[in-house]
Amino acid sequence: MPGERLIEKSIIRRLPLTKGWVTVPLEQYGLVVDEDFFLGIEYLPEYSNHEKYIFIYGAALGGSFYSRKASLGDWEKGVGGRLAAYVTVRQ
């Protein structure tokens, strides 16, 4: 299960919904990780002009995942699928 947070403040970025990679520089937060970690992603839609956008990501069969229904909710483990996303860490 996800454990303690590496930083207490949420990192929130307003990003365009376009096809392709998203880059979020994190140097200013001084994060240092030397073991496995969880990365939580929360999609916060903005419904301006009554337009609705959709955020799509891939999934793969097998494995497990962790999710929660609200930002401060309890983590729950699900089985049978997993998020298919990539995180590239540069040092």
Protein backbone atom coordinates (compact mmCIF):
# COMPACT_ATOMS: atom_id res chain seq x y z
CA MET A 1 0.00 0.00 0.00
CA PRO A 2 1.14 3.56 -0.55
CA GLY A 3 2.74 4.84 2.64
CA GLU A 4 3.97 8.19 3.84
CA ARG A 5 4.02 11.12 1.46
CA LEU A 6 7.38 12.35 0.22
CA ILE A 7 6.07 15.92 0.30
CA GLU A 8 3.03 17.21 2.14
CA LYS A 9 1.93 19.78 -0.42
CA SER A 10 0.20 18.57 -3.58
CA ILE A 11 1.91 19.35 -6.87
CA ILE A 12 -0.79 20.77 -9.12
CA ARG A 13 -0.18 21.67 -12.75
CA ARG A 14 -2.63 23.03 -15.32
CA LEU A 15 -1.77 21.17 -18.50
CA PRO A 16 -3.32 21.20 -21.94
CA LEU A 17 -5.16 18.04 -22.93
CA THR A 18 -3.18 17.18 -26.00
CA LYS A 19 -1.90 13.92 -27.35
CA GLY A 20 1.63 13.02 -26.30
CA TRP A 21 3.97 13.12 -23.35
CA VAL A 22 3.58 15.40 -20.34
CA THR A 23 6.62 16.76 -18.52
CA VAL A 24 6.41 18.03 -14.95
CA PRO A 25 9.80 19.19 -13.59
CA LEU A 26 10.17 18.37 -9.90
CA GLU A 27 13.68 19.69 -9.11
CA GLN A 28 12.34 22.52 -6.95
CA TYR A 29 10.84 20.00 -4.50
CA GLY A 30 14.16 18.36 -3.62
CA LEU A 31 12.76 14.84 -3.91
CA VAL A 32 15.26 12.06 -3.34
CA VAL A 33 14.10 8.47 -3.76
CA ASP A 34 16.38 5.46 -3.45
CA GLU A 35 13.73 2.73 -3.35
CA ASP A 36 10.46 1.79 -5.07
CA PHE A 37 7.73 4.42 -4.83
CA PHE A 38 4.10 5.07 -5.77
CA LEU A 39 3.10 7.95 -7.97
CA GLY A 40 -0.44 9.21 -7.50
CA ILE A 41 -2.18 11.01 -10.34
CA GLU A 42 -5.44 12.85 -9.85
CA TYR A 43 -7.30 14.35 -12.78
CA LEU A 44 -9.06 17.58 -11.84
CA PRO A 45 -11.20 18.62 -14.82
CA GLU A 46 -12.13 22.21 -15.45
CA TYR A 47 -15.56 22.57 -16.97
CA SER A 48 -15.35 25.98 -18.58
CA ASN A 49 -17.73 26.90 -21.35
CA HIS A 50 -19.63 23.70 -20.58
CA GLU A 51 -17.07 21.69 -22.52
CA LYS A 52 -16.16 18.30 -21.14
CA TYR A 53 -12.78 16.75 -21.76
CA ILE A 54 -11.66 13.22 -21.15
CA PHE A 55 -8.35 11.99 -19.83
CA ILE A 56 -7.41 8.59 -21.22
CA TYR A 57 -4.63 6.28 -20.14
CA GLY A 58 -3.84 2.67 -20.89
CA ALA A 59 -4.33 -0.38 -18.77
CA ALA A 60 -3.05 -3.92 -18.90
CA LEU A 61 -4.64 -7.15 -17.78
CA GLY A 62 -3.13 -8.91 -14.81
CA GLY A 63 -1.39 -7.47 -11.80
CA SER A 64 -2.88 -5.08 -9.29
CA PHE A 65 -3.42 -1.38 -8.64
CA TYR A 66 -4.19 1.01 -5.79
CA SER A 67 -6.89 3.65 -5.93
CA ARG A 68 -9.05 5.83 -3.75
CA LYS A 69 -12.34 7.55 -4.38
CA ALA A 70 -11.33 10.92 -2.93
CA SER A 71 -8.06 12.80 -2.47
CA LEU A 72 -7.91 12.07 1.24
CA GLY A 73 -9.76 8.74 1.12
CA ASP A 74 -8.43 5.34 2.08
CA TRP A 75 -6.34 3.42 -0.43
CA GLU A 76 -7.90 0.24 -1.79
CA LYS A 77 -6.14 -2.53 -3.66
CA GLY A 78 -7.71 -3.85 -6.86
CA VAL A 79 -6.65 -6.90 -8.83
CA GLY A 80 -7.05 -8.01 -12.41
CA GLY A 81 -5.54 -4.98 -14.13
CA ARG A 82 -2.99 -2.24 -13.75
CA LEU A 83 -2.35 1.25 -15.04
CA ALA A 84 -0.11 1.33 -18.07
CA ALA A 85 1.87 4.55 -17.81
CA TYR A 86 5.52 5.49 -17.85
CA VAL A 87 7.51 7.70 -15.52
CA THR A 88 10.99 8.70 -16.59
CA VAL A 89 13.29 9.85 -13.81
CA ARG A 90 16.31 11.96 -14.70
CA GLN A 91 19.12 12.52 -12.29
